[in-house]
Amino acid sequence: MRDVPGRRPGDVTLPTWRNDRGLAIDVAVTSPFSAYGMRSKSPADSYAMNFKHRKYDAGFVRSGYYFSAMVLETTGGIGVEGISTLRQIFRFASVRQNATHSVYAGRAWARLSCNLQSSVAQGILLRTSAWDPLSPPSEPGKPLEPEVQRDESEAIERSIYSRESEREREKNEKK
């Protein structure tokens, strides 16, 4: 994998995993409501096999890394391979942290779920609104601009009104 320009072992790479080999994890998120997901009994597992493993398995032969496709669904589902990998990571981490495994694993699953839900919500916002995550946030205590504070129906009415008045102006100009 390292010999190919522009390629890295994985989104998450654990340099020492088992038998002196590392683990390269490719993380992906798919929607069960996509055209592909609707045709599949298990969208995450199908995506892992048909896209990730087909694309990357050959590159990991004799590479010194194991490969795991960790595919999450936007609805919270996780592929079988992803669950297995996460369980192993949580078990290792709980032993290393000297924590009760059930407590550690419960908290780890909760963190993962919250992050996935937050990312899905952010994705929805990005697709359905003009929200820009790169724009600077407003200062604490400073009120938002009046235009931002108006509710959606007022904004829609204003938009319709301005389009109507624009058309009227254009008609008057033509006369």
C-alpha atoms as a PDB file:
ATOM      1  CA  MET A   1       0.000   0.000   0.000  1.00  0.00           C
ATOM      2  CA  ARG A   2       2.754   2.470   0.848  1.00  0.00           C
ATOM      3  CA  ASP A   3       4.435   1.975  -2.549  1.00  0.00           C
ATOM      4  CA  VAL A   4       1.429   3.355  -4.410  1.00  0.00           C
ATOM      5  CA  PRO A   5       1.527   7.180  -4.614  1.00  0.00           C
ATOM      6  CA  GLY A   6      -1.452   8.940  -3.056  1.00  0.00           C
ATOM      7  CA  ARG A   7      -2.619   5.850  -1.149  1.00  0.00           C
ATOM      8  CA  ARG A   8      -2.539   5.381   2.582  1.00  0.00           C
ATOM      9  CA  PRO A   9      -3.220   2.199   4.548  1.00  0.00           C
ATOM     10  CA  GLY A  10      -6.640   3.348   5.830  1.00  0.00           C
ATOM     11  CA  ASP A  11      -8.743   6.089   7.388  1.00  0.00           C
ATOM     12  CA  VAL A  12      -7.647   4.698  10.756  1.00  0.00           C
ATOM     13  CA  THR A  13      -4.440   2.710  10.979  1.00  0.00           C
ATOM     14  CA  LEU A  14      -3.341   0.692  13.984  1.00  0.00           C
ATOM     15  CA  PRO A  15       0.349  -0.067  13.323  1.00  0.00           C
ATOM     16  CA  THR A  16       0.474  -3.182  15.508  1.00  0.00           C
ATOM     17  CA  TRP A  17      -2.655  -5.285  15.578  1.00  0.00           C
ATOM     18  CA  ARG A  18      -1.941  -9.011  15.464  1.00  0.00           C
ATOM     19  CA  ASN A  19       0.979 -11.234  14.402  1.00  0.00           C
ATOM     20  CA  ASP A  20       3.236  -8.212  13.784  1.00  0.00           C
ATOM     21  CA  ARG A  21       0.777  -6.849  11.241  1.00  0.00           C
ATOM     22  CA  GLY A  22      -1.157  -3.615  11.412  1.00  0.00           C
ATOM     23  CA  LEU A  23      -4.848  -3.018  10.888  1.00  0.00           C
ATOM     24  CA  ALA A  24      -6.077  -0.560   8.283  1.00  0.00           C
ATOM     25  CA  ILE A  25      -9.695   0.486   8.797  1.00  0.00           C
ATOM     26  CA  ASP A  26     -11.605   2.167   6.007  1.00  0.00           C
ATOM     27  CA  VAL A  27     -14.582   4.006   7.504  1.00  0.00           C
ATOM     28  CA  ALA A  28     -17.621   4.756   5.345  1.00  0.00           C
ATOM     29  CA  VAL A  29     -21.190   5.863   5.949  1.00  0.00           C
ATOM     30  CA  THR A  30     -24.023   4.769   3.687  1.00  0.00           C
ATOM     31  CA  SER A  31     -27.736   5.432   3.662  1.00  0.00           C
ATOM     32  CA  PRO A  32     -30.206   2.545   3.630  1.00  0.00           C
ATOM     33  CA  PHE A  33     -32.568   4.942   1.824  1.00  0.00           C
ATOM     34  CA  SER A  34     -30.304   5.343  -1.205  1.00  0.00           C
ATOM     35  CA  ALA A  35     -31.172   3.408  -4.372  1.00  0.00           C
ATOM     36  CA  TYR A  36     -28.417   0.908  -3.552  1.00  0.00           C
ATOM     37  CA  GLY A  37     -29.424   0.595   0.103  1.00  0.00           C
ATOM     38  CA  MET A  38     -33.101   0.009  -0.695  1.00  0.00           C
ATOM     39  CA  ARG A  39     -32.195  -3.046  -2.799  1.00  0.00           C
ATOM     40  CA  SER A  40     -30.088  -4.609  -0.062  1.00  0.00           C
ATOM     41  CA  LYS A  41     -31.084  -6.652   2.978  1.00  0.00           C
ATOM     42  CA  SER A  42     -28.059  -5.309   4.875  1.00  0.00           C
ATOM     43  CA  PRO A  43     -26.864  -2.049   3.256  1.00  0.00           C
ATOM     44  CA  ALA A  44     -23.712  -1.702   5.377  1.00  0.00           C
ATOM     45  CA  ASP A  45     -22.511  -5.257   4.724  1.00  0.00           C
ATOM     46  CA  SER A  46     -23.345  -5.069   1.010  1.00  0.00           C
ATOM     47  CA  TYR A  47     -21.502  -1.757   0.689  1.00  0.00           C
ATOM     48  CA  ALA A  48     -18.461  -3.191   2.479  1.00  0.00           C
ATOM     49  CA  MET A  49     -18.285  -6.233   0.199  1.00  0.00           C
ATOM     50  CA  ASN A  50     -19.241  -4.651  -3.125  1.00  0.00           C
ATOM     51  CA  PHE A  51     -17.317  -1.408  -2.837  1.00  0.00           C
ATOM     52  CA  LYS A  52     -14.641  -1.460  -0.147  1.00  0.00           C
ATOM     53  CA  HIS A  53     -13.350  -5.030  -0.329  1.00  0.00           C
ATOM     54  CA  ARG A  54     -13.503  -5.144  -4.135  1.00  0.00           C
ATOM     55  CA  LYS A  55     -11.472  -1.962  -4.321  1.00  0.00           C
ATOM     56  CA  TYR A  56      -8.879  -2.553  -1.589  1.00  0.00           C
ATOM     57  CA  ASP A  57      -8.419  -6.269  -0.796  1.00  0.00           C
ATOM     58  CA  ALA A  58      -5.860  -6.931  -3.530  1.00  0.00           C
ATOM     59  CA  GLY A  59      -3.716  -4.020  -2.315  1.00  0.00           C
ATOM     60  CA  PHE A  60      -3.392  -5.529   1.162  1.00  0.00           C
ATOM     61  CA  VAL A  61      -2.039  -8.917   0.082  1.00  0.00           C
ATOM     62  CA  ARG A  62       1.487  -9.183   1.582  1.00  0.00           C
ATOM     63  CA  SER A  63       1.278  -5.552   2.742  1.00  0.00           C
ATOM     64  CA  GLY A  64       1.828  -6.072   6.437  1.00  0.00           C
ATOM     65  CA  TYR A  65      -1.712  -4.918   7.211  1.00  0.00           C
ATOM     66  CA  TYR A  66      -5.064  -6.531   7.738  1.00  0.00           C
ATOM     67  CA  PHE A  67      -7.969  -4.658   6.159  1.00  0.00           C
ATOM     68  CA  SER A  68     -11.327  -3.909   7.744  1.00  0.00           C
ATOM     69  CA  ALA A  69     -14.193  -2.081   6.071  1.00  0.00           C
ATOM     70  CA  MET A  70     -16.156  -0.387   8.841  1.00  0.00           C
ATOM     71  CA  VAL A  71     -19.390   0.745   7.242  1.00  0.00           C
ATOM     72  CA  LEU A  72     -21.963   2.644   9.287  1.00  0.00           C
ATOM     73  CA  GLU A  73     -25.514   3.418   8.203  1.00  0.00           C
ATOM     74  CA  THR A  74     -27.067   6.852   8.608  1.00  0.00           C
ATOM     75  CA  THR A  75     -29.849   5.210  10.633  1.00  0.00           C
ATOM     76  CA  GLY A  76     -27.373   3.846  13.177  1.00  0.00           C
ATOM     77  CA  GLY A  77     -26.746   0.376  11.786  1.00  0.00           C
ATOM     78  CA  ILE A  78     -23.228  -1.007  11.587  1.00  0.00           C
ATOM     79  CA  GLY A  79     -21.972  -3.770   9.329  1.00  0.00           C
ATOM     80  CA  VAL A  80     -20.997  -7.126  10.857  1.00  0.00           C
ATOM     81  CA  GLU A  81     -17.311  -6.554  10.107  1.00  0.00           C
ATOM     82  CA  GLY A  82     -17.451  -3.099  11.710  1.00  0.00           C
ATOM     83  CA  ILE A  83     -19.114  -4.460  14.852  1.00  0.00           C
ATOM     84  CA  SER A  84     -16.487  -7.180  15.154  1.00  0.00           C
ATOM     85  CA  THR A  85     -13.639  -4.697  14.727  1.00  0.00           C
ATOM     86  CA  LEU A  86     -15.121  -2.245  17.222  1.00  0.00           C
ATOM     87  CA  ARG A  87     -15.684  -4.988  19.803  1.00  0.00           C
ATOM     88  CA  GLN A  88     -12.033  -6.015  19.547  1.00  0.00           C
ATOM     89  CA  ILE A  89     -10.865  -2.407  19.840  1.00  0.00           C
ATOM     90  CA  PHE A  90     -13.132  -1.768  22.852  1.00  0.00           C
ATOM     91  CA  ARG A  91     -11.931  -4.967  24.563  1.00  0.00           C
ATOM     92  CA  PHE A  92      -8.290  -4.002  24.034  1.00  0.00           C
ATOM     93  CA  ALA A  93      -8.897  -0.433  25.189  1.00  0.00           C
ATOM     94  CA  SER A  94     -10.775  -1.461  28.340  1.00  0.00           C
ATOM     95  CA  VAL A  95      -7.916  -3.789  29.350  1.00  0.00           C
ATOM     96  CA  ARG A  96      -5.329  -1.134  28.581  1.00  0.00           C
ATOM     97  CA  GLN A  97      -7.265   1.496  30.569  1.00  0.00           C
ATOM     98  CA  ASN A  98      -7.806  -1.019  33.389  1.00  0.00           C
ATOM     99  CA  ALA A  99     -11.547  -0.297  33.207  1.00  0.00           C
ATOM    100  CA  THR A 100     -14.498  -2.609  33.636  1.00  0.00           C
ATOM    101  CA  HIS A 101     -15.187  -3.805  30.114  1.00  0.00           C
ATOM    102  CA  SER A 102     -18.983  -3.474  30.242  1.00  0.00           C
ATOM    103  CA  VAL A 103     -18.745   0.134  31.455  1.00  0.00           C
ATOM    104  CA  TYR A 104     -16.052   1.061  28.933  1.00  0.00           C
ATOM    105  CA  ALA A 105     -17.834  -0.602  26.002  1.00  0.00           C
ATOM    106  CA  GLY A 106     -21.185   0.992  26.915  1.00  0.00           C
ATOM    107  CA  ARG A 107     -19.659   4.450  26.950  1.00  0.00           C
ATOM    108  CA  ALA A 108     -17.734   3.828  23.729  1.00  0.00           C
ATOM    109  CA  TRP A 109     -20.895   2.685  21.895  1.00  0.00           C
ATOM    110  CA  ALA A 110     -22.756   5.747  23.208  1.00  0.00           C
ATOM    111  CA  ARG A 111     -20.004   8.107  21.995  1.00  0.00           C
ATOM    112  CA  LEU A 112     -19.975   6.494  18.585  1.00  0.00           C
ATOM    113  CA  SER A 113     -23.782   6.726  18.313  1.00  0.00           C
ATOM    114  CA  CYS A 114     -23.832  10.388  19.339  1.00  0.00           C
ATOM    115  CA  ASN A 115     -21.114  11.268  16.836  1.00  0.00           C
ATOM    116  CA  LEU A 116     -22.928   9.442  14.048  1.00  0.00           C
ATOM    117  CA  GLN A 117     -26.225  11.176  14.876  1.00  0.00           C
ATOM    118  CA  SER A 118     -24.504  14.555  14.994  1.00  0.00           C
ATOM    119  CA  SER A 119     -22.813  13.972  11.637  1.00  0.00           C
ATOM    120  CA  VAL A 120     -26.070  12.845  10.019  1.00  0.00           C
ATOM    121  CA  ALA A 121     -27.843  15.945  11.339  1.00  0.00           C
ATOM    122  CA  GLN A 122     -25.047  18.155  10.028  1.00  0.00           C
ATOM    123  CA  GLY A 123     -25.280  16.462   6.628  1.00  0.00           C
ATOM    124  CA  ILE A 124     -29.018  17.087   6.518  1.00  0.00           C
ATOM    125  CA  LEU A 125     -28.498  20.745   7.415  1.00  0.00           C
ATOM    126  CA  LEU A 126     -25.897  21.146   4.708  1.00  0.00           C
ATOM    127  CA  ARG A 127     -28.178  19.670   2.051  1.00  0.00           C
ATOM    128  CA  THR A 128     -31.408  21.409   3.059  1.00  0.00           C
ATOM    129  CA  SER A 129     -30.337  24.899   4.014  1.00  0.00           C
ATOM    130  CA  ALA A 130     -27.861  27.627   3.380  1.00  0.00           C
ATOM    131  CA  TRP A 131     -26.008  26.828   6.626  1.00  0.00           C
ATOM    132  CA  ASP A 132     -22.261  27.136   6.171  1.00  0.00           C
ATOM    133  CA  PRO A 133     -20.172  25.333   8.816  1.00  0.00           C
ATOM    134  CA  LEU A 134     -17.112  27.406   7.834  1.00  0.00           C
ATOM    135  CA  SER A 135     -18.759  30.767   8.499  1.00  0.00           C
ATOM    136  CA  PRO A 136     -17.640  32.390  11.745  1.00  0.00           C
ATOM    137  CA  PRO A 137     -20.062  31.850  14.631  1.00  0.00           C
ATOM    138  CA  SER A 138     -21.813  34.840  16.138  1.00  0.00           C
ATOM    139  CA  GLU A 139     -20.269  36.293  19.260  1.00  0.00           C
ATOM    140  CA  PRO A 140     -21.757  35.020  22.535  1.00  0.00           C
ATOM    141  CA  GLY A 141     -24.266  37.479  23.924  1.00  0.00           C
ATOM    142  CA  LYS A 142     -24.512  39.350  20.628  1.00  0.00           C
ATOM    143  CA  PRO A 143     -28.003  39.103  19.132  1.00  0.00           C
ATOM    144  CA  LEU A 144     -28.343  37.590  15.676  1.00  0.00           C
ATOM    145  CA  GLU A 145     -29.062  39.866  12.771  1.00  0.00           C
ATOM    146  CA  PRO A 146     -32.787  40.623  12.488  1.00  0.00           C
ATOM    147  CA  GLU A 147     -32.958  38.797   9.150  1.00  0.00           C
ATOM    148  CA  VAL A 148     -31.629  35.623  10.782  1.00  0.00           C
ATOM    149  CA  GLN A 149     -34.104  35.896  13.678  1.00  0.00           C
ATOM    150  CA  ARG A 150     -37.196  35.956  11.445  1.00  0.00           C
ATOM    151  CA  ASP A 151     -38.981  32.698  11.181  1.00  0.00           C
ATOM    152  CA  GLU A 152     -39.129  30.736   7.954  1.00  0.00           C
ATOM    153  CA  SER A 153     -42.646  31.759   6.908  1.00  0.00           C
ATOM    154  CA  GLU A 154     -41.713  35.451   7.036  1.00  0.00           C
ATOM    155  CA  ALA A 155     -38.631  34.782   4.922  1.00  0.00           C
ATOM    156  CA  ILE A 156     -40.728  32.922   2.363  1.00  0.00           C
ATOM    157  CA  GLU A 157     -43.328  35.716   2.246  1.00  0.00           C
ATOM    158  CA  ARG A 158     -40.559  38.299   1.835  1.00  0.00           C
ATOM    159  CA  SER A 159     -39.040  36.275  -0.995  1.00  0.00           C
ATOM    160  CA  ILE A 160     -42.371  35.924  -2.808  1.00  0.00           C
ATOM    161  CA  TYR A 161     -43.157  39.616  -2.318  1.00  0.00           C
ATOM    162  CA  SER A 162     -39.761  40.712  -3.643  1.00  0.00           C
ATOM    163  CA  ARG A 163     -40.127  38.482  -6.735  1.00  0.00           C
ATOM    164  CA  GLU A 164     -43.616  39.886  -7.409  1.00  0.00           C
ATOM    165  CA  SER A 165     -42.438  43.479  -7.042  1.00  0.00           C
ATOM    166  CA  GLU A 166     -39.449  42.699  -9.295  1.00  0.00           C
ATOM    167  CA  ARG A 167     -41.798  41.433 -11.990  1.00  0.00           C
ATOM    168  CA  GLU A 168     -43.970  44.530 -11.646  1.00  0.00           C
ATOM    169  CA  ARG A 169     -40.900  46.770 -12.013  1.00  0.00           C
ATOM    170  CA  GLU A 170     -39.796  44.879 -15.107  1.00  0.00           C
ATOM    171  CA  LYS A 171     -43.278  45.282 -16.629  1.00  0.00           C
ATOM    172  CA  ASN A 172     -43.268  49.024 -15.872  1.00  0.00           C
ATOM    173  CA  GLU A 173     -39.818  49.418 -17.394  1.00  0.00           C
ATOM    174  CA  LYS A 174     -40.931  47.711 -20.619  1.00  0.00           C
ATOM    175  CA  LYS A 175     -43.892  50.122 -20.975  1.00  0.00           C
END
